[in-house]
Amino acid sequence: MQAVIGDRLHLHGREVGTPDHICEIIEVRGVDGTPPYVVRHGDGHVTMVFPGPDASVEHPRESASMT
């Protein structure tokens, strides 16, 4: 998993009925874009995340440039 500042971290719900959660990556603490990431959640709070296998990184610049 690799990310840059401005990417989104998509945390998939692990149980049926648990919603997915998307937050903005505001700092990358690992080497070459690897975790841990400091993220800003939708309600504004900031946390450090060590994402597991139920997470993926979305690169919004790639999807915007393809349109």
PDB file of N, CA and C in Angstrom:
ATOM      1  N   MET A   1       0.849  -1.165   0.000  1.00  0.00           N
ATOM      2  CA  MET A   1       0.000   0.000   0.000  1.00  0.00           C
ATOM      3  C   MET A   1       0.897   1.230   0.000  1.00  0.00           C
ATOM      4  N   GLN A   2       0.635   2.128  -0.940  1.00  0.00           N
ATOM      5  CA  GLN A   2       1.390   3.376  -1.027  1.00  0.00           C
ATOM      6  C   GLN A   2       0.424   4.529  -1.230  1.00  0.00           C
ATOM      7  N   ALA A   3       0.750   5.666  -0.629  1.00  0.00           N
ATOM      8  CA  ALA A   3      -0.107   6.842  -0.721  1.00  0.00           C
ATOM      9  C   ALA A   3       0.739   8.100  -0.685  1.00  0.00           C
ATOM     10  N   VAL A   4       0.112   9.196  -1.089  1.00  0.00           N
ATOM     11  CA  VAL A   4       0.705  10.527  -0.972  1.00  0.00           C
ATOM     12  C   VAL A   4      -0.330  11.419  -0.292  1.00  0.00           C
ATOM     13  N   ILE A   5       0.121  12.548   0.202  1.00  0.00           N
ATOM     14  CA  ILE A   5      -0.784  13.494   0.838  1.00  0.00           C
ATOM     15  C   ILE A   5      -1.877  13.883  -0.153  1.00  0.00           C
ATOM     16  N   GLY A   6      -3.113  13.877   0.311  1.00  0.00           N
ATOM     17  CA  GLY A   6      -4.255  14.207  -0.533  1.00  0.00           C
ATOM     18  C   GLY A   6      -5.023  12.986  -1.008  1.00  0.00           C
ATOM     19  N   ASP A   7      -4.410  11.806  -0.933  1.00  0.00           N
ATOM     20  CA  ASP A   7      -5.131  10.580  -1.264  1.00  0.00           C
ATOM     21  C   ASP A   7      -6.173  10.323  -0.188  1.00  0.00           C
ATOM     22  N   ARG A   8      -7.086   9.400  -0.495  1.00  0.00           N
ATOM     23  CA  ARG A   8      -8.109   9.022   0.474  1.00  0.00           C
ATOM     24  C   ARG A   8      -7.861   7.595   0.924  1.00  0.00           C
ATOM     25  N   LEU A   9      -8.057   7.365   2.199  1.00  0.00           N
ATOM     26  CA  LEU A   9      -7.965   6.022   2.754  1.00  0.00           C
ATOM     27  C   LEU A   9      -9.380   5.505   2.924  1.00  0.00           C
ATOM     28  N   HIS A  10      -9.677   4.400   2.252  1.00  0.00           N
ATOM     29  CA  HIS A  10     -11.014   3.800   2.278  1.00  0.00           C
ATOM     30  C   HIS A  10     -10.945   2.588   3.196  1.00  0.00           C
ATOM     31  N   LEU A  11     -11.602   2.695   4.342  1.00  0.00           N
ATOM     32  CA  LEU A  11     -11.646   1.612   5.312  1.00  0.00           C
ATOM     33  C   LEU A  11     -12.973   0.879   5.115  1.00  0.00           C
ATOM     34  N   HIS A  12     -12.903  -0.326   4.614  1.00  0.00           N
ATOM     35  CA  HIS A  12     -14.099  -1.100   4.304  1.00  0.00           C
ATOM     36  C   HIS A  12     -14.699  -1.678   5.575  1.00  0.00           C
ATOM     37  N   GLY A  13     -16.036  -1.679   5.654  1.00  0.00           N
ATOM     38  CA  GLY A  13     -16.724  -2.259   6.803  1.00  0.00           C
ATOM     39  C   GLY A  13     -16.367  -3.733   6.935  1.00  0.00           C
ATOM     40  N   ARG A  14     -16.063  -4.173   8.136  1.00  0.00           N
ATOM     41  CA  ARG A  14     -15.609  -5.550   8.345  1.00  0.00           C
ATOM     42  C   ARG A  14     -16.749  -6.506   8.647  1.00  0.00           C
ATOM     43  N   GLU A  15     -17.914  -6.000   8.962  1.00  0.00           N
ATOM     44  CA  GLU A  15     -19.062  -6.829   9.267  1.00  0.00           C
ATOM     45  C   GLU A  15     -20.242  -6.370   8.446  1.00  0.00           C
ATOM     46  N   VAL A  16     -21.167  -7.265   8.202  1.00  0.00           N
ATOM     47  CA  VAL A  16     -22.380  -6.909   7.468  1.00  0.00           C
ATOM     48  C   VAL A  16     -23.097  -5.802   8.228  1.00  0.00           C
ATOM     49  N   GLY A  17     -23.471  -4.764   7.512  1.00  0.00           N
ATOM     50  CA  GLY A  17     -24.167  -3.642   8.116  1.00  0.00           C
ATOM     51  C   GLY A  17     -23.260  -2.546   8.642  1.00  0.00           C
ATOM     52  N   THR A  18     -21.958  -2.784   8.666  1.00  0.00           N
ATOM     53  CA  THR A  18     -21.014  -1.763   9.103  1.00  0.00           C
ATOM     54  C   THR A  18     -20.620  -0.918   7.893  1.00  0.00           C
ATOM     55  N   PRO A  19     -20.863   0.379   7.931  1.00  0.00           N
ATOM     56  CA  PRO A  19     -20.560   1.198   6.758  1.00  0.00           C
ATOM     57  C   PRO A  19     -19.058   1.371   6.534  1.00  0.00           C
ATOM     58  N   ASP A  20     -18.700   1.635   5.282  1.00  0.00           N
ATOM     59  CA  ASP A  20     -17.323   1.981   4.950  1.00  0.00           C
ATOM     60  C   ASP A  20     -17.023   3.376   5.503  1.00  0.00           C
ATOM     61  N   HIS A  21     -15.751   3.666   5.639  1.00  0.00           N
ATOM     62  CA  HIS A  21     -15.320   4.959   6.158  1.00  0.00           C
ATOM     63  C   HIS A  21     -14.208   5.475   5.251  1.00  0.00           C
ATOM     64  N   ILE A  22     -14.322   6.718   4.806  1.00  0.00           N
ATOM     65  CA  ILE A  22     -13.297   7.316   3.941  1.00  0.00           C
ATOM     66  C   ILE A  22     -12.744   8.550   4.630  1.00  0.00           C
ATOM     67  N   CYS A  23     -11.412   8.660   4.682  1.00  0.00           N
ATOM     68  CA  CYS A  23     -10.766   9.815   5.288  1.00  0.00           C
ATOM     69  C   CYS A  23      -9.621  10.287   4.386  1.00  0.00           C
ATOM     70  N   GLU A  24      -9.197  11.517   4.604  1.00  0.00           N
ATOM     71  CA  GLU A  24      -8.150  12.126   3.787  1.00  0.00           C
ATOM     72  C   GLU A  24      -6.782  11.924   4.440  1.00  0.00           C
ATOM     73  N   ILE A  25      -5.814  11.505   3.650  1.00  0.00           N
ATOM     74  CA  ILE A  25      -4.452  11.345   4.149  1.00  0.00           C
ATOM     75  C   ILE A  25      -3.785  12.725   4.160  1.00  0.00           C
ATOM     76  N   ILE A  26      -3.361  13.160   5.347  1.00  0.00           N
ATOM     77  CA  ILE A  26      -2.737  14.483   5.467  1.00  0.00           C
ATOM     78  C   ILE A  26      -1.248  14.395   5.788  1.00  0.00           C
ATOM     79  N   GLU A  27      -0.770  13.195   6.120  1.00  0.00           N
ATOM     80  CA  GLU A  27       0.665  13.003   6.365  1.00  0.00           C
ATOM     81  C   GLU A  27       1.006  11.530   6.168  1.00  0.00           C
ATOM     82  N   VAL A  28       2.132  11.279   5.520  1.00  0.00           N
ATOM     83  CA  VAL A  28       2.625   9.919   5.312  1.00  0.00           C
ATOM     84  C   VAL A  28       3.873   9.765   6.165  1.00  0.00           C
ATOM     85  N   ARG A  29       3.860   8.827   7.097  1.00  0.00           N
ATOM     86  CA  ARG A  29       4.990   8.658   8.014  1.00  0.00           C
ATOM     87  C   ARG A  29       5.912   7.513   7.621  1.00  0.00           C
ATOM     88  N   GLY A  30       5.475   6.645   6.720  1.00  0.00           N
ATOM     89  CA  GLY A  30       6.301   5.516   6.307  1.00  0.00           C
ATOM     90  C   GLY A  30       7.238   5.883   5.172  1.00  0.00           C
ATOM     91  N   VAL A  31       8.097   4.957   4.822  1.00  0.00           N
ATOM     92  CA  VAL A  31       9.061   5.137   3.739  1.00  0.00           C
ATOM     93  C   VAL A  31       8.374   4.905   2.397  1.00  0.00           C
ATOM     94  N   ASP A  32       8.621   5.769   1.428  1.00  0.00           N
ATOM     95  CA  ASP A  32       8.093   5.627   0.068  1.00  0.00           C
ATOM     96  C   ASP A  32       6.576   5.488   0.026  1.00  0.00           C
ATOM     97  N   GLY A  33       5.864   6.232   0.873  1.00  0.00           N
ATOM     98  CA  GLY A  33       4.408   6.255   0.828  1.00  0.00           C
ATOM     99  C   GLY A  33       3.718   5.133   1.580  1.00  0.00           C
ATOM    100  N   THR A  34       4.475   4.386   2.375  1.00  0.00           N
ATOM    101  CA  THR A  34       3.880   3.285   3.121  1.00  0.00           C
ATOM    102  C   THR A  34       3.339   3.768   4.470  1.00  0.00           C
ATOM    103  N   PRO A  35       2.445   2.989   5.091  1.00  0.00           N
ATOM    104  CA  PRO A  35       1.901   3.376   6.401  1.00  0.00           C
ATOM    105  C   PRO A  35       2.989   3.458   7.455  1.00  0.00           C
ATOM    106  N   PRO A  36       2.693   4.162   8.548  1.00  0.00           N
ATOM    107  CA  PRO A  36       1.398   4.681   8.975  1.00  0.00           C
ATOM    108  C   PRO A  36       1.068   6.009   8.304  1.00  0.00           C
ATOM    109  N   TYR A  37      -0.235   6.331   8.334  1.00  0.00           N
ATOM    110  CA  TYR A  37      -0.744   7.574   7.763  1.00  0.00           C
ATOM    111  C   TYR A  37      -1.436   8.377   8.858  1.00  0.00           C
ATOM    112  N   VAL A  38      -1.303   9.692   8.768  1.00  0.00           N
ATOM    113  CA  VAL A  38      -2.100  10.583   9.599  1.00  0.00           C
ATOM    114  C   VAL A  38      -3.261  11.013   8.717  1.00  0.00           C
ATOM    115  N   VAL A  39      -4.482  10.804   9.210  1.00  0.00           N
ATOM    116  CA  VAL A  39      -5.677  11.055   8.400  1.00  0.00           C
ATOM    117  C   VAL A  39      -6.622  12.016   9.102  1.00  0.00           C
ATOM    118  N   ARG A  40      -7.417  12.720   8.277  1.00  0.00           N
ATOM    119  CA  ARG A  40      -8.471  13.603   8.794  1.00  0.00           C
ATOM    120  C   ARG A  40      -9.806  12.958   8.441  1.00  0.00           C
ATOM    121  N   HIS A  41     -10.594  12.710   9.455  1.00  0.00           N
ATOM    122  CA  HIS A  41     -11.905  12.101   9.276  1.00  0.00           C
ATOM    123  C   HIS A  41     -12.929  13.167   8.891  1.00  0.00           C
ATOM    124  N   GLY A  42     -14.091  12.727   8.445  1.00  0.00           N
ATOM    125  CA  GLY A  42     -15.142  13.637   8.005  1.00  0.00           C
ATOM    126  C   GLY A  42     -15.607  14.615   9.065  1.00  0.00           C
ATOM    127  N   ASP A  43     -15.519  14.223  10.332  1.00  0.00           N
ATOM    128  CA  ASP A  43     -15.940  15.129  11.406  1.00  0.00           C
ATOM    129  C   ASP A  43     -14.819  16.061  11.859  1.00  0.00           C
ATOM    130  N   GLY A  44     -13.649  15.967  11.192  1.00  0.00           N
ATOM    131  CA  GLY A  44     -12.543  16.881  11.473  1.00  0.00           C
ATOM    132  C   GLY A  44     -11.468  16.348  12.398  1.00  0.00           C
ATOM    133  N   HIS A  45     -11.730  15.253  13.106  1.00  0.00           N
ATOM    134  CA  HIS A  45     -10.678  14.785  14.012  1.00  0.00           C
ATOM    135  C   HIS A  45      -9.577  14.082  13.228  1.00  0.00           C
ATOM    136  N   VAL A  46      -8.369  14.114  13.805  1.00  0.00           N
ATOM    137  CA  VAL A  46      -7.165  13.615  13.144  1.00  0.00           C
ATOM    138  C   VAL A  46      -6.614  12.448  13.956  1.00  0.00           C
ATOM    139  N   THR A  47      -6.252  11.360  13.262  1.00  0.00           N
ATOM    140  CA  THR A  47      -5.676  10.197  13.923  1.00  0.00           C
ATOM    141  C   THR A  47      -4.566   9.606  13.070  1.00  0.00           C
ATOM    142  N   MET A  48      -3.718   8.787  13.704  1.00  0.00           N
ATOM    143  CA  MET A  48      -2.722   8.024  12.973  1.00  0.00           C
ATOM    144  C   MET A  48      -3.295   6.631  12.741  1.00  0.00           C
ATOM    145  N   VAL A  49      -3.157   6.139  11.510  1.00  0.00           N
ATOM    146  CA  VAL A  49      -3.755   4.865  11.134  1.00  0.00           C
ATOM    147  C   VAL A  49      -2.684   3.926  10.586  1.00  0.00           C
ATOM    148  N   PHE A  50      -2.730   2.697  11.030  1.00  0.00           N
ATOM    149  CA  PHE A  50      -1.929   1.607  10.488  1.00  0.00           C
ATOM    150  C   PHE A  50      -2.919   0.693   9.770  1.00  0.00           C
ATOM    151  N   PRO A  51      -3.247   0.970   8.496  1.00  0.00           N
ATOM    152  CA  PRO A  51      -4.337   0.246   7.831  1.00  0.00           C
ATOM    153  C   PRO A  51      -4.050  -1.238   7.671  1.00  0.00           C
ATOM    154  N   GLY A  52      -5.119  -2.017   7.807  1.00  0.00           N
ATOM    155  CA  GLY A  52      -5.039  -3.459   7.646  1.00  0.00           C
ATOM    156  C   GLY A  52      -5.493  -3.882   6.264  1.00  0.00           C
ATOM    157  N   PRO A  53      -5.750  -5.180   6.085  1.00  0.00           N
ATOM    158  CA  PRO A  53      -6.139  -5.692   4.774  1.00  0.00           C
ATOM    159  C   PRO A  53      -7.529  -5.253   4.330  1.00  0.00           C
ATOM    160  N   ASP A  54      -8.306  -4.665   5.234  1.00  0.00           N
ATOM    161  CA  ASP A  54      -9.643  -4.190   4.889  1.00  0.00           C
ATOM    162  C   ASP A  54      -9.635  -2.734   4.430  1.00  0.00           C
ATOM    163  N   ALA A  55      -8.473  -2.210   4.073  1.00  0.00           N
ATOM    164  CA  ALA A  55      -8.344  -0.813   3.650  1.00  0.00           C
ATOM    165  C   ALA A  55      -7.719  -0.729   2.261  1.00  0.00           C
ATOM    166  N   SER A  56      -8.027   0.370   1.568  1.00  0.00           N
ATOM    167  CA  SER A  56      -7.415   0.626   0.262  1.00  0.00           C
ATOM    168  C   SER A  56      -7.187   2.123   0.122  1.00  0.00           C
ATOM    169  N   VAL A  57      -6.249   2.482  -0.734  1.00  0.00           N
ATOM    170  CA  VAL A  57      -5.926   3.882  -0.991  1.00  0.00           C
ATOM    171  C   VAL A  57      -6.542   4.282  -2.323  1.00  0.00           C
ATOM    172  N   GLU A  58      -7.228   5.415  -2.328  1.00  0.00           N
ATOM    173  CA  GLU A  58      -7.809   5.969  -3.551  1.00  0.00           C
ATOM    174  C   GLU A  58      -6.999   7.204  -3.930  1.00  0.00           C
ATOM    175  N   HIS A  59      -6.623   7.276  -5.187  1.00  0.00           N
ATOM    176  CA  HIS A  59      -5.814   8.384  -5.691  1.00  0.00           C
ATOM    177  C   HIS A  59      -6.716   9.296  -6.529  1.00  0.00           C
ATOM    178  N   PRO A  60      -7.286  10.352  -5.950  1.00  0.00           N
ATOM    179  CA  PRO A  60      -8.255  11.184  -6.670  1.00  0.00           C
ATOM    180  C   PRO A  60      -7.684  11.884  -7.894  1.00  0.00           C
ATOM    181  N   ARG A  61      -6.391  12.179  -7.910  1.00  0.00           N
ATOM    182  CA  ARG A  61      -5.800  12.869  -9.064  1.00  0.00           C
ATOM    183  C   ARG A  61      -5.839  11.988 -10.300  1.00  0.00           C
ATOM    184  N   GLU A  62      -5.656  10.689 -10.142  1.00  0.00           N
ATOM    185  CA  GLU A  62      -5.680   9.775 -11.296  1.00  0.00           C
ATOM    186  C   GLU A  62      -7.054   9.731 -11.928  1.00  0.00           C
ATOM    187  N   SER A  63      -8.106   9.641 -11.119  1.00  0.00           N
ATOM    188  CA  SER A  63      -9.455   9.567 -11.675  1.00  0.00           C
ATOM    189  C   SER A  63      -9.856  10.893 -12.298  1.00  0.00           C
ATOM    190  N   ALA A  64      -9.397  12.018 -11.749  1.00  0.00           N
ATOM    191  CA  ALA A  64      -9.726  13.334 -12.303  1.00  0.00           C
ATOM    192  C   ALA A  64      -9.020  13.552 -13.634  1.00  0.00           C
ATOM    193  N   SER A  65      -7.800  13.043 -13.792  1.00  0.00           N
ATOM    194  CA  SER A  65      -7.059  13.258 -15.034  1.00  0.00           C
ATOM    195  C   SER A  65      -7.558  12.373 -16.168  1.00  0.00           C
ATOM    196  N   MET A  66      -8.304  11.317 -15.846  1.00  0.00           N
ATOM    197  CA  MET A  66      -8.787  10.400 -16.866  1.00  0.00           C
ATOM    198  C   MET A  66     -10.075  10.897 -17.512  1.00  0.00           C
ATOM    199  N   THR A  67     -10.724  11.930 -16.963  1.00  0.00           N
ATOM    200  CA  THR A  67     -11.980  12.411 -17.528  1.00  0.00           C
ATOM    201  C   THR A  67     -11.764  13.433 -18.571  1.00  0.00           C
TER     202      THR A  67
END
